[in-house]
Amino acid sequence: MRADILDNAVDLQATLNATALEHQLKQNRFHLVSLEKCIDCDIEIDPTRQALGGVERCTECEGFHQREIFQKRQKALR
């Protein structure tokens, strides 16, 4: 029986998620001190996020930062 394309997509996403989580856990940043305020917008960083260790940006600013990095990498590949 052939697997459905959606089943394949779900399996691929689960693999990607597991790989990303493993990569993050290997970085072991929990010993690093997080900032209390975002370096970009100066808004207080959520304590739950601070607990991750080494956090410098609030969630929103981190998203912008990551998209900027991604776009620069995409341009470099062209």
Protein backbone atom coordinates (compact mmCIF):
# COMPACT_ATOMS: atom_id res chain seq x y z
CA MET A 1 0.00 0.00 0.00
CA ARG A 2 1.36 3.42 -0.96
CA ALA A 3 1.68 6.00 1.75
CA ASP A 4 -0.36 9.12 1.39
CA ILE A 5 1.54 12.34 0.60
CA LEU A 6 0.24 13.90 3.82
CA ASP A 7 1.56 10.97 5.85
CA ASN A 8 4.98 11.50 4.26
CA ALA A 9 4.84 15.22 5.05
CA VAL A 10 3.90 14.52 8.69
CA ASP A 11 6.75 12.02 9.02
CA LEU A 12 9.21 14.47 7.50
CA GLN A 13 8.07 17.28 9.81
CA ALA A 14 8.39 15.03 12.86
CA THR A 15 11.93 14.13 11.82
CA LEU A 16 12.85 17.78 11.26
CA ASN A 17 11.39 18.76 14.64
CA ALA A 18 13.27 15.99 16.44
CA THR A 19 16.52 16.95 14.72
CA ALA A 20 16.08 20.66 15.56
CA LEU A 21 15.30 19.86 19.19
CA GLU A 22 18.32 17.58 19.47
CA HIS A 23 20.52 20.31 17.99
CA GLN A 24 19.22 22.88 20.47
CA LEU A 25 19.72 20.57 23.43
CA LYS A 26 23.30 19.82 22.34
CA GLN A 27 24.10 23.52 22.45
CA ASN A 28 23.56 23.36 26.22
CA ARG A 29 23.07 27.09 26.78
CA PHE A 30 21.32 26.66 30.13
CA HIS A 31 24.44 27.76 32.03
CA LEU A 32 24.53 31.12 30.20
CA VAL A 33 22.85 34.13 31.77
CA SER A 34 19.94 35.61 29.82
CA LEU A 35 19.25 39.31 29.62
CA GLU A 36 16.20 40.68 31.40
CA LYS A 37 15.44 43.16 28.61
CA CYS A 38 15.59 42.71 24.84
CA ILE A 39 18.68 44.20 23.18
CA ASP A 40 16.56 45.42 20.26
CA CYS A 41 13.35 46.84 21.77
CA ASP A 42 14.22 47.08 25.49
CA ILE A 43 11.02 45.22 26.48
CA GLU A 44 11.27 42.74 29.35
CA ILE A 45 11.99 39.17 28.21
CA ASP A 46 9.53 36.59 29.52
CA PRO A 47 11.06 34.65 32.48
CA THR A 48 10.18 31.35 30.81
CA ARG A 49 12.23 32.38 27.79
CA GLN A 50 15.06 33.62 30.02
CA ALA A 51 15.27 30.14 31.55
CA LEU A 52 16.53 28.82 28.19
CA GLY A 53 19.87 30.49 28.84
CA GLY A 54 21.80 32.99 26.77
CA VAL A 55 18.66 34.76 25.53
CA GLU A 56 19.22 38.31 24.27
CA ARG A 57 15.94 39.11 22.49
CA CYS A 58 12.22 38.88 23.15
CA THR A 59 10.30 36.34 21.07
CA GLU A 60 9.11 38.89 18.52
CA CYS A 61 12.52 40.45 17.94
CA GLU A 62 14.16 37.01 17.77
CA GLY A 63 11.72 36.10 15.00
CA PHE A 64 12.67 39.21 13.03
CA HIS A 65 16.36 38.50 13.64
CA GLN A 66 16.08 34.88 12.45
CA ARG A 67 14.16 35.90 9.30
CA GLU A 68 16.83 38.50 8.52
CA ILE A 69 19.57 35.87 8.84
CA PHE A 70 17.59 33.47 6.64
CA GLN A 71 17.08 36.11 3.94
CA LYS A 72 20.78 36.97 3.92
CA ARG A 73 21.69 33.30 3.51
CA GLN A 74 19.18 32.94 0.67
CA LYS A 75 20.67 35.94 -1.15
CA ALA A 76 24.18 34.54 -0.70
CA LEU A 77 23.11 31.27 -2.36
CA ARG A 78 21.82 33.03 -5.50
